[in-house]
Amino acid sequence: MEKRIQSLETRLKQLEEQIKEVQKQLPAHSVKPPIMMELIALEDEHEDLFKELEQLKRAAKK
């Protein structure tokens, strides 16, 4: 379980960096759909992994 937690934490950090990079590409006006779709996909994956990580951490404490 500890390896999975470390793996999730590493992936979350990677996703956070990717999200920051995509956000830098967002223009002030007329956001391009592919960029917005990429950002949404990254944020969705981040949210899912964060939830899984929290569940694993709670289970490890028991």
N, C-alpha and C. Protein backbone atom coordinates (compact mmCIF):
# COMPACT_ATOMS: atom_id res chain seq x y z
N MET A 1 0.84 -1.19 0.00
CA MET A 1 0.00 0.00 0.00
C MET A 1 0.88 1.26 0.00
N GLU A 2 2.01 1.19 0.68
CA GLU A 2 2.90 2.35 0.76
C GLU A 2 3.44 2.74 -0.62
N LYS A 3 3.74 1.74 -1.44
CA LYS A 3 4.21 2.03 -2.80
C LYS A 3 3.15 2.75 -3.61
N ARG A 4 1.91 2.31 -3.45
CA ARG A 4 0.81 2.95 -4.18
C ARG A 4 0.63 4.39 -3.73
N ILE A 5 0.75 4.63 -2.44
CA ILE A 5 0.63 5.99 -1.92
C ILE A 5 1.73 6.87 -2.50
N GLN A 6 2.96 6.38 -2.51
CA GLN A 6 4.07 7.15 -3.08
C GLN A 6 3.87 7.40 -4.57
N SER A 7 3.37 6.39 -5.26
CA SER A 7 3.11 6.53 -6.69
C SER A 7 2.05 7.60 -6.95
N LEU A 8 1.00 7.58 -6.16
CA LEU A 8 -0.07 8.58 -6.31
C LEU A 8 0.44 9.98 -6.00
N GLU A 9 1.24 10.11 -4.96
CA GLU A 9 1.77 11.42 -4.61
C GLU A 9 2.67 11.96 -5.72
N THR A 10 3.48 11.09 -6.30
CA THR A 10 4.35 11.50 -7.41
C THR A 10 3.51 11.93 -8.61
N ARG A 11 2.51 11.15 -8.95
CA ARG A 11 1.66 11.48 -10.10
C ARG A 11 0.90 12.77 -9.86
N LEU A 12 0.44 12.99 -8.65
CA LEU A 12 -0.27 14.23 -8.33
C LEU A 12 0.63 15.44 -8.55
N LYS A 13 1.88 15.33 -8.14
CA LYS A 13 2.81 16.44 -8.35
C LYS A 13 3.02 16.69 -9.84
N GLN A 14 3.13 15.61 -10.61
CA GLN A 14 3.29 15.75 -12.06
C GLN A 14 2.07 16.43 -12.66
N LEU A 15 0.90 16.01 -12.23
CA LEU A 15 -0.33 16.61 -12.75
C LEU A 15 -0.43 18.09 -12.39
N GLU A 16 -0.03 18.44 -11.19
CA GLU A 16 -0.07 19.84 -10.79
C GLU A 16 0.82 20.69 -11.69
N GLU A 17 1.99 20.17 -12.05
CA GLU A 17 2.89 20.88 -12.95
C GLU A 17 2.28 20.99 -14.35
N GLN A 18 1.67 19.90 -14.82
CA GLN A 18 1.04 19.92 -16.14
C GLN A 18 -0.11 20.91 -16.17
N ILE A 19 -0.90 20.95 -15.11
CA ILE A 19 -2.02 21.88 -15.04
C ILE A 19 -1.51 23.31 -15.11
N LYS A 20 -0.44 23.60 -14.38
CA LYS A 20 0.14 24.95 -14.42
C LYS A 20 0.60 25.32 -15.83
N GLU A 21 1.21 24.37 -16.53
CA GLU A 21 1.69 24.63 -17.88
C GLU A 21 0.52 24.89 -18.84
N VAL A 22 -0.53 24.11 -18.72
CA VAL A 22 -1.69 24.30 -19.59
C VAL A 22 -2.37 25.63 -19.27
N GLN A 23 -2.44 25.98 -18.00
CA GLN A 23 -3.05 27.26 -17.62
C GLN A 23 -2.28 28.43 -18.21
N LYS A 24 -0.98 28.29 -18.34
CA LYS A 24 -0.17 29.35 -18.95
C LYS A 24 -0.53 29.54 -20.43
N GLN A 25 -1.03 28.48 -21.07
CA GLN A 25 -1.39 28.54 -22.48
C GLN A 25 -2.75 29.18 -22.71
N LEU A 26 -3.52 29.34 -21.65
CA LEU A 26 -4.86 29.90 -21.79
C LEU A 26 -4.79 31.40 -22.11
N PRO A 27 -5.35 31.79 -23.23
CA PRO A 27 -5.38 33.22 -23.53
C PRO A 27 -6.42 33.93 -22.67
N ALA A 28 -6.30 35.23 -22.59
CA ALA A 28 -7.25 36.00 -21.79
C ALA A 28 -8.66 35.91 -22.37
N HIS A 29 -8.74 35.78 -23.68
CA HIS A 29 -10.04 35.71 -24.37
C HIS A 29 -10.01 34.57 -25.37
N SER A 30 -11.15 34.10 -25.75
CA SER A 30 -11.29 33.07 -26.79
C SER A 30 -10.44 31.83 -26.51
N VAL A 31 -10.76 31.17 -25.43
CA VAL A 31 -10.04 29.95 -25.07
C VAL A 31 -10.32 28.88 -26.12
N LYS A 32 -9.25 28.23 -26.57
CA LYS A 32 -9.38 27.18 -27.59
C LYS A 32 -9.90 25.90 -26.93
N PRO A 33 -10.89 25.26 -27.55
CA PRO A 33 -11.46 24.04 -26.97
C PRO A 33 -10.45 22.94 -26.65
N PRO A 34 -9.47 22.66 -27.53
CA PRO A 34 -8.53 21.58 -27.18
C PRO A 34 -7.73 21.86 -25.90
N ILE A 35 -7.37 23.11 -25.70
CA ILE A 35 -6.62 23.46 -24.49
C ILE A 35 -7.52 23.31 -23.27
N MET A 36 -8.75 23.75 -23.39
CA MET A 36 -9.69 23.64 -22.27
C MET A 36 -9.98 22.17 -21.96
N MET A 37 -10.12 21.35 -22.99
CA MET A 37 -10.38 19.92 -22.79
C MET A 37 -9.19 19.25 -22.10
N GLU A 38 -7.99 19.63 -22.48
CA GLU A 38 -6.80 19.07 -21.85
C GLU A 38 -6.76 19.46 -20.37
N LEU A 39 -7.05 20.71 -20.08
CA LEU A 39 -7.05 21.19 -18.70
C LEU A 39 -8.10 20.45 -17.87
N ILE A 40 -9.27 20.29 -18.40
CA ILE A 40 -10.34 19.58 -17.69
C ILE A 40 -9.95 18.13 -17.43
N ALA A 41 -9.36 17.47 -18.42
CA ALA A 41 -8.94 16.08 -18.26
C ALA A 41 -7.87 15.95 -17.17
N LEU A 42 -6.91 16.86 -17.16
CA LEU A 42 -5.87 16.84 -16.14
C LEU A 42 -6.45 17.08 -14.75
N GLU A 43 -7.36 18.03 -14.65
CA GLU A 43 -7.98 18.33 -13.36
C GLU A 43 -8.84 17.16 -12.87
N ASP A 44 -9.54 16.49 -13.79
CA ASP A 44 -10.35 15.33 -13.42
C ASP A 44 -9.46 14.19 -12.90
N GLU A 45 -8.36 13.93 -13.61
CA GLU A 45 -7.45 12.88 -13.17
C GLU A 45 -6.86 13.24 -11.81
N HIS A 46 -6.50 14.50 -11.62
CA HIS A 46 -5.93 14.95 -10.34
C HIS A 46 -6.94 14.71 -9.22
N GLU A 47 -8.17 15.07 -9.45
CA GLU A 47 -9.21 14.90 -8.44
C GLU A 47 -9.41 13.43 -8.09
N ASP A 48 -9.47 12.57 -9.11
CA ASP A 48 -9.66 11.14 -8.87
C ASP A 48 -8.50 10.55 -8.07
N LEU A 49 -7.28 10.90 -8.45
CA LEU A 49 -6.12 10.37 -7.75
C LEU A 49 -6.04 10.91 -6.32
N PHE A 50 -6.40 12.16 -6.13
CA PHE A 50 -6.41 12.74 -4.79
C PHE A 50 -7.38 11.99 -3.89
N LYS A 51 -8.56 11.69 -4.40
CA LYS A 51 -9.55 10.94 -3.61
C LYS A 51 -9.03 9.55 -3.26
N GLU A 52 -8.42 8.88 -4.24
CA GLU A 52 -7.87 7.54 -3.99
C GLU A 52 -6.77 7.61 -2.93
N LEU A 53 -5.91 8.61 -3.04
CA LEU A 53 -4.83 8.78 -2.07
C LEU A 53 -5.38 8.99 -0.67
N GLU A 54 -6.38 9.81 -0.53
CA GLU A 54 -6.98 10.05 0.78
C GLU A 54 -7.57 8.78 1.36
N GLN A 55 -8.22 7.98 0.53
CA GLN A 55 -8.79 6.71 0.99
C GLN A 55 -7.69 5.77 1.46
N LEU A 56 -6.60 5.68 0.70
CA LEU A 56 -5.51 4.81 1.08
C LEU A 56 -4.86 5.27 2.39
N LYS A 57 -4.71 6.55 2.55
CA LYS A 57 -4.11 7.07 3.78
C LYS A 57 -5.00 6.76 4.99
N ARG A 58 -6.31 6.90 4.81
CA ARG A 58 -7.23 6.58 5.90
C ARG A 58 -7.18 5.10 6.24
N ALA A 59 -7.12 4.26 5.20
CA ALA A 59 -7.06 2.80 5.41
C ALA A 59 -5.75 2.41 6.08
N ALA A 60 -4.67 3.08 5.76
CA ALA A 60 -3.36 2.76 6.35
C ALA A 60 -3.31 3.11 7.84
N LYS A 61 -4.10 4.09 8.25
CA LYS A 61 -4.12 4.48 9.66
C LYS A 61 -4.87 3.50 10.53
N LYS A 62 -5.73 2.69 9.93
CA LYS A 62 -6.55 1.75 10.71
C LYS A 62 -5.76 0.56 11.16
